Amino acid sequence: MTEKTQSTHQDAEVHVVKPPVYLAIFFALLVLTALTTGISFIDLGVFNAVIALAIACLKASLVVLFFMHIHYSSRLLKLTVAAGLFTFMLLISLTMTDYISRAWGMF
């Protein structure tokens, strides 16, 4: 290897996550899954889907932050993930506005 390659590999910061962190996230995901299941049996009207989606977003955030190591990454990588999430939300919003407005053409 060349000197430049060796120095690049040595400069990279390595973050080792301890097993208790993974176990805590795993149990949090299990609790949130049980909560989602439990809430599905309670009639909350239109809020059933809202609460289920909120819990799903929380679980997805835990997976992205800890299992994909975004929590320990650089600000640039966090910005990239945020930009991807923003783009996804924009596309979903535009799709929903089209879907909701389809019924208006029938009247």
N, C-alpha and C. Protein backbone atom coordinates (compact mmCIF):
# COMPACT_ATOMS: atom_id res chain seq x y z
N MET A 1 0.83 -1.19 0.00
CA MET A 1 0.00 0.00 0.00
C MET A 1 0.88 1.25 0.00
N THR A 2 0.34 2.28 -0.54
CA THR A 2 1.08 3.53 -0.56
C THR A 2 0.86 4.27 0.74
N GLU A 3 1.69 5.28 0.96
CA GLU A 3 1.56 6.08 2.19
C GLU A 3 0.21 6.80 2.23
N LYS A 4 -0.26 7.26 1.08
CA LYS A 4 -1.52 7.99 1.04
C LYS A 4 -2.69 7.08 1.43
N THR A 5 -2.69 5.85 0.96
CA THR A 5 -3.76 4.92 1.30
C THR A 5 -3.73 4.57 2.77
N GLN A 6 -2.55 4.38 3.32
CA GLN A 6 -2.45 4.04 4.73
C GLN A 6 -2.93 5.19 5.61
N SER A 7 -2.57 6.40 5.28
CA SER A 7 -3.00 7.53 6.11
C SER A 7 -4.50 7.74 6.01
N THR A 8 -5.09 7.46 4.85
CA THR A 8 -6.54 7.61 4.70
C THR A 8 -7.27 6.60 5.57
N HIS A 9 -6.77 5.37 5.59
CA HIS A 9 -7.42 4.35 6.41
C HIS A 9 -7.25 4.65 7.90
N GLN A 10 -6.16 5.24 8.28
CA GLN A 10 -5.94 5.54 9.69
C GLN A 10 -6.74 6.75 10.14
N ASP A 11 -7.04 7.66 9.22
CA ASP A 11 -7.78 8.87 9.58
C ASP A 11 -9.27 8.61 9.79
N ALA A 12 -9.78 7.54 9.23
CA ALA A 12 -11.21 7.25 9.35
C ALA A 12 -11.55 6.90 10.80
N GLU A 13 -12.61 7.53 11.28
CA GLU A 13 -13.04 7.28 12.66
C GLU A 13 -13.93 6.05 12.69
N VAL A 14 -13.61 5.14 13.56
CA VAL A 14 -14.39 3.92 13.70
C VAL A 14 -15.14 4.00 15.03
N HIS A 15 -16.43 3.78 14.95
CA HIS A 15 -17.24 3.81 16.16
C HIS A 15 -17.78 2.41 16.42
N VAL A 16 -17.46 1.87 17.56
CA VAL A 16 -17.93 0.54 17.93
C VAL A 16 -19.10 0.71 18.90
N VAL A 17 -20.22 0.12 18.52
CA VAL A 17 -21.41 0.20 19.36
C VAL A 17 -21.44 -1.03 20.27
N LYS A 18 -21.67 -0.78 21.53
CA LYS A 18 -21.71 -1.86 22.52
C LYS A 18 -23.01 -2.66 22.38
N PRO A 19 -22.97 -3.95 22.67
CA PRO A 19 -24.18 -4.78 22.58
C PRO A 19 -25.37 -4.30 23.41
N PRO A 20 -25.17 -3.71 24.60
CA PRO A 20 -26.35 -3.22 25.34
C PRO A 20 -27.16 -2.16 24.57
N VAL A 21 -26.49 -1.37 23.75
CA VAL A 21 -27.21 -0.38 22.94
C VAL A 21 -28.11 -1.09 21.94
N TYR A 22 -27.56 -2.12 21.28
CA TYR A 22 -28.36 -2.87 20.32
C TYR A 22 -29.52 -3.59 21.01
N LEU A 23 -29.29 -4.12 22.18
CA LEU A 23 -30.36 -4.79 22.92
C LEU A 23 -31.44 -3.80 23.35
N ALA A 24 -31.03 -2.61 23.78
CA ALA A 24 -32.01 -1.60 24.17
C ALA A 24 -32.88 -1.19 22.98
N ILE A 25 -32.26 -0.99 21.83
CA ILE A 25 -33.02 -0.63 20.63
C ILE A 25 -33.93 -1.78 20.22
N PHE A 26 -33.42 -3.00 20.30
CA PHE A 26 -34.22 -4.18 19.97
C PHE A 26 -35.46 -4.26 20.86
N PHE A 27 -35.29 -4.08 22.16
CA PHE A 27 -36.44 -4.15 23.07
C PHE A 27 -37.38 -2.96 22.86
N ALA A 28 -36.83 -1.81 22.53
CA ALA A 28 -37.69 -0.66 22.21
C ALA A 28 -38.54 -0.95 20.97
N LEU A 29 -37.94 -1.59 19.98
CA LEU A 29 -38.69 -1.96 18.77
C LEU A 29 -39.77 -2.99 19.09
N LEU A 30 -39.45 -3.93 19.98
CA LEU A 30 -40.46 -4.91 20.38
C LEU A 30 -41.62 -4.25 21.12
N VAL A 31 -41.30 -3.33 22.02
CA VAL A 31 -42.35 -2.63 22.78
C VAL A 31 -43.21 -1.79 21.83
N LEU A 32 -42.58 -1.11 20.90
CA LEU A 32 -43.35 -0.29 19.95
C LEU A 32 -44.21 -1.15 19.04
N THR A 33 -43.72 -2.33 18.67
CA THR A 33 -44.54 -3.25 17.87
C THR A 33 -45.73 -3.74 18.67
N ALA A 34 -45.52 -4.08 19.94
CA ALA A 34 -46.63 -4.50 20.81
C ALA A 34 -47.62 -3.35 21.00
N LEU A 35 -47.10 -2.13 21.12
CA LEU A 35 -47.97 -0.96 21.26
C LEU A 35 -48.81 -0.76 20.01
N THR A 36 -48.22 -0.93 18.86
CA THR A 36 -48.97 -0.81 17.60
C THR A 36 -50.08 -1.85 17.54
N THR A 37 -49.74 -3.07 17.92
CA THR A 37 -50.74 -4.14 17.92
C THR A 37 -51.85 -3.86 18.93
N GLY A 38 -51.48 -3.42 20.12
CA GLY A 38 -52.47 -3.12 21.14
C GLY A 38 -53.40 -1.99 20.76
N ILE A 39 -52.84 -0.96 20.16
CA ILE A 39 -53.67 0.20 19.77
C ILE A 39 -54.60 -0.16 18.62
N SER A 40 -54.23 -1.15 17.83
CA SER A 40 -55.10 -1.52 16.71
C SER A 40 -56.42 -2.11 17.18
N PHE A 41 -56.46 -2.61 18.42
CA PHE A 41 -57.70 -3.17 18.96
C PHE A 41 -58.58 -2.11 19.61
N ILE A 42 -58.07 -0.90 19.78
CA ILE A 42 -58.84 0.20 20.37
C ILE A 42 -59.38 1.06 19.24
N ASP A 43 -60.68 1.37 19.29
CA ASP A 43 -61.29 2.18 18.25
C ASP A 43 -61.06 3.66 18.55
N LEU A 44 -60.15 4.26 17.79
CA LEU A 44 -59.86 5.68 17.95
C LEU A 44 -60.33 6.49 16.75
N GLY A 45 -61.14 5.89 15.93
CA GLY A 45 -61.65 6.58 14.75
C GLY A 45 -60.55 6.79 13.72
N VAL A 46 -60.46 8.01 13.24
CA VAL A 46 -59.45 8.31 12.21
C VAL A 46 -58.04 8.35 12.77
N PHE A 47 -57.93 8.39 14.09
CA PHE A 47 -56.61 8.48 14.71
C PHE A 47 -55.88 7.13 14.79
N ASN A 48 -56.56 6.02 14.50
CA ASN A 48 -55.88 4.72 14.49
C ASN A 48 -54.72 4.73 13.50
N ALA A 49 -54.98 5.17 12.29
CA ALA A 49 -53.93 5.19 11.27
C ALA A 49 -52.84 6.21 11.61
N VAL A 50 -53.25 7.33 12.17
CA VAL A 50 -52.28 8.38 12.52
C VAL A 50 -51.31 7.87 13.59
N ILE A 51 -51.84 7.24 14.61
CA ILE A 51 -50.99 6.73 15.69
C ILE A 51 -50.12 5.58 15.19
N ALA A 52 -50.69 4.70 14.38
CA ALA A 52 -49.91 3.58 13.84
C ALA A 52 -48.77 4.10 12.96
N LEU A 53 -49.02 5.11 12.17
CA LEU A 53 -47.96 5.68 11.32
C LEU A 53 -46.91 6.42 12.15
N ALA A 54 -47.34 7.08 13.21
CA ALA A 54 -46.39 7.76 14.09
C ALA A 54 -45.45 6.75 14.76
N ILE A 55 -46.01 5.65 15.22
CA ILE A 55 -45.17 4.61 15.83
C ILE A 55 -44.25 3.99 14.79
N ALA A 56 -44.75 3.77 13.59
CA ALA A 56 -43.92 3.21 12.52
C ALA A 56 -42.78 4.15 12.16
N CYS A 57 -43.04 5.45 12.15
CA CYS A 57 -41.97 6.42 11.88
C CYS A 57 -40.92 6.41 12.98
N LEU A 58 -41.36 6.28 14.21
CA LEU A 58 -40.43 6.20 15.33
C LEU A 58 -39.56 4.96 15.23
N LYS A 59 -40.17 3.83 14.88
CA LYS A 59 -39.40 2.59 14.73
C LYS A 59 -38.41 2.70 13.56
N ALA A 60 -38.84 3.28 12.46
CA ALA A 60 -37.94 3.46 11.32
C ALA A 60 -36.79 4.38 11.68
N SER A 61 -37.06 5.41 12.47
CA SER A 61 -36.00 6.32 12.91
C SER A 61 -34.97 5.60 13.77
N LEU A 62 -35.43 4.74 14.67
CA LEU A 62 -34.50 3.98 15.50
C LEU A 62 -33.62 3.06 14.65
N VAL A 63 -34.22 2.42 13.67
CA VAL A 63 -33.45 1.52 12.80
C VAL A 63 -32.41 2.31 12.01
N VAL A 64 -32.82 3.43 11.43
CA VAL A 64 -31.89 4.23 10.63
C VAL A 64 -30.78 4.80 11.50
N LEU A 65 -31.13 5.33 12.65
CA LEU A 65 -30.13 5.97 13.50
C LEU A 65 -29.13 5.00 14.09
N PHE A 66 -29.58 3.87 14.57
CA PHE A 66 -28.68 2.99 15.31
C PHE A 66 -28.20 1.79 14.52
N PHE A 67 -29.09 1.08 13.82
CA PHE A 67 -28.64 -0.09 13.09
C PHE A 67 -27.91 0.28 11.80
N MET A 68 -28.23 1.44 11.24
CA MET A 68 -27.51 1.91 10.05
C MET A 68 -26.41 2.90 10.42
N HIS A 69 -26.21 3.13 11.70
CA HIS A 69 -25.12 3.95 12.26
C HIS A 69 -25.14 5.41 11.80
N ILE A 70 -26.30 5.94 11.47
CA ILE A 70 -26.39 7.35 11.09
C ILE A 70 -26.17 8.25 12.31
N HIS A 71 -26.55 7.78 13.47
CA HIS A 71 -26.37 8.55 14.71
C HIS A 71 -24.91 8.89 14.95
N TYR A 72 -24.01 8.02 14.54
CA TYR A 72 -22.59 8.21 14.79
C TYR A 72 -21.84 8.72 13.56
N SER A 73 -22.55 9.08 12.51
CA SER A 73 -21.93 9.48 11.25
C SER A 73 -21.67 10.98 11.21
N SER A 74 -21.06 11.38 10.12
CA SER A 74 -20.74 12.80 9.94
C SER A 74 -22.01 13.60 9.64
N ARG A 75 -21.88 14.90 9.74
CA ARG A 75 -23.01 15.78 9.46
C ARG A 75 -23.42 15.70 7.99
N LEU A 76 -22.45 15.46 7.12
CA LEU A 76 -22.76 15.37 5.70
C LEU A 76 -23.66 14.17 5.42
N LEU A 77 -23.38 13.04 6.04
CA LEU A 77 -24.22 11.86 5.85
C LEU A 77 -25.60 12.07 6.45
N LYS A 78 -25.68 12.73 7.60
CA LYS A 78 -26.97 13.04 8.21
C LYS A 78 -27.78 13.97 7.29
N LEU A 79 -27.10 14.93 6.68
CA LEU A 79 -27.76 15.83 5.75
C LEU A 79 -28.26 15.08 4.52
N THR A 80 -27.49 14.11 4.05
CA THR A 80 -27.89 13.30 2.90
C THR A 80 -29.15 12.49 3.23
N VAL A 81 -29.19 11.91 4.41
CA VAL A 81 -30.37 11.15 4.83
C VAL A 81 -31.57 12.09 4.96
N ALA A 82 -31.36 13.26 5.53
CA ALA A 82 -32.45 14.23 5.68
C ALA A 82 -32.96 14.69 4.32
N ALA A 83 -32.06 14.89 3.36
CA ALA A 83 -32.47 15.31 2.02
C ALA A 83 -33.28 14.21 1.34
N GLY A 84 -32.87 12.96 1.53
CA GLY A 84 -33.63 11.84 0.97
C GLY A 84 -35.01 11.75 1.59
N LEU A 85 -35.09 11.94 2.90
CA LEU A 85 -36.38 11.91 3.59
C LEU A 85 -37.27 13.06 3.13
N PHE A 86 -36.68 14.24 2.97
CA PHE A 86 -37.45 15.39 2.49
C PHE A 86 -38.00 15.13 1.09
N THR A 87 -37.17 14.58 0.21
CA THR A 87 -37.61 14.27 -1.15
C THR A 87 -38.74 13.24 -1.13
N PHE A 88 -38.59 12.22 -0.30
CA PHE A 88 -39.63 11.21 -0.17
C PHE A 88 -40.94 11.82 0.29
N MET A 89 -40.88 12.68 1.33
CA MET A 89 -42.09 13.31 1.84
C MET A 89 -42.73 14.23 0.79
N LEU A 90 -41.91 14.91 0.03
CA LEU A 90 -42.43 15.77 -1.04
C LEU A 90 -43.17 14.94 -2.09
N LEU A 91 -42.59 13.83 -2.50
CA LEU A 91 -43.25 12.98 -3.49
C LEU A 91 -44.54 12.38 -2.95
N ILE A 92 -44.54 11.97 -1.70
CA ILE A 92 -45.76 11.43 -1.09
C ILE A 92 -46.83 12.52 -1.00
N SER A 93 -46.42 13.73 -0.61
CA SER A 93 -47.38 14.84 -0.51
C SER A 93 -48.00 15.16 -1.87
N LEU A 94 -47.18 15.20 -2.90
CA LEU A 94 -47.72 15.48 -4.23
C LEU A 94 -48.65 14.36 -4.70
N THR A 95 -48.31 13.14 -4.40
CA THR A 95 -49.17 12.02 -4.76
C THR A 95 -50.50 12.09 -4.02
N MET A 96 -50.45 12.43 -2.75
CA MET A 96 -51.68 12.52 -1.97
C MET A 96 -52.57 13.67 -2.43
N THR A 97 -51.97 14.79 -2.82
CA THR A 97 -52.81 15.89 -3.31
C THR A 97 -53.52 15.48 -4.60
N ASP A 98 -52.85 14.71 -5.45
CA ASP A 98 -53.50 14.22 -6.67
C ASP A 98 -54.61 13.24 -6.31
N TYR A 99 -54.33 12.34 -5.40
CA TYR A 99 -55.30 11.32 -5.01
C TYR A 99 -56.54 11.95 -4.37
N ILE A 100 -56.33 12.93 -3.50
CA ILE A 100 -57.45 13.58 -2.81
C ILE A 100 -58.29 14.40 -3.79
N SER A 101 -57.65 15.05 -4.74
CA SER A 101 -58.36 15.95 -5.65
C SER A 101 -59.09 15.19 -6.78
N ARG A 102 -58.90 13.90 -6.92
CA ARG A 102 -59.59 13.15 -7.98
C ARG A 102 -61.08 13.15 -7.79
N ALA A 103 -61.55 13.14 -6.57
CA ALA A 103 -62.99 13.12 -6.31
C ALA A 103 -63.65 14.45 -6.70
N TRP A 104 -62.89 15.52 -6.75
CA TRP A 104 -63.45 16.83 -7.08
C TRP A 104 -63.92 16.88 -8.54
N GLY A 105 -63.32 16.13 -9.43
CA GLY A 105 -63.70 16.16 -10.83
C GLY A 105 -65.01 15.46 -11.11
N MET A 106 -65.51 14.69 -10.15
CA MET A 106 -66.75 13.95 -10.34
C MET A 106 -67.98 14.82 -10.12
N PHE A 107 -67.82 15.96 -9.49
CA PHE A 107 -68.98 16.79 -9.17
C PHE A 107 -69.19 17.87 -10.17
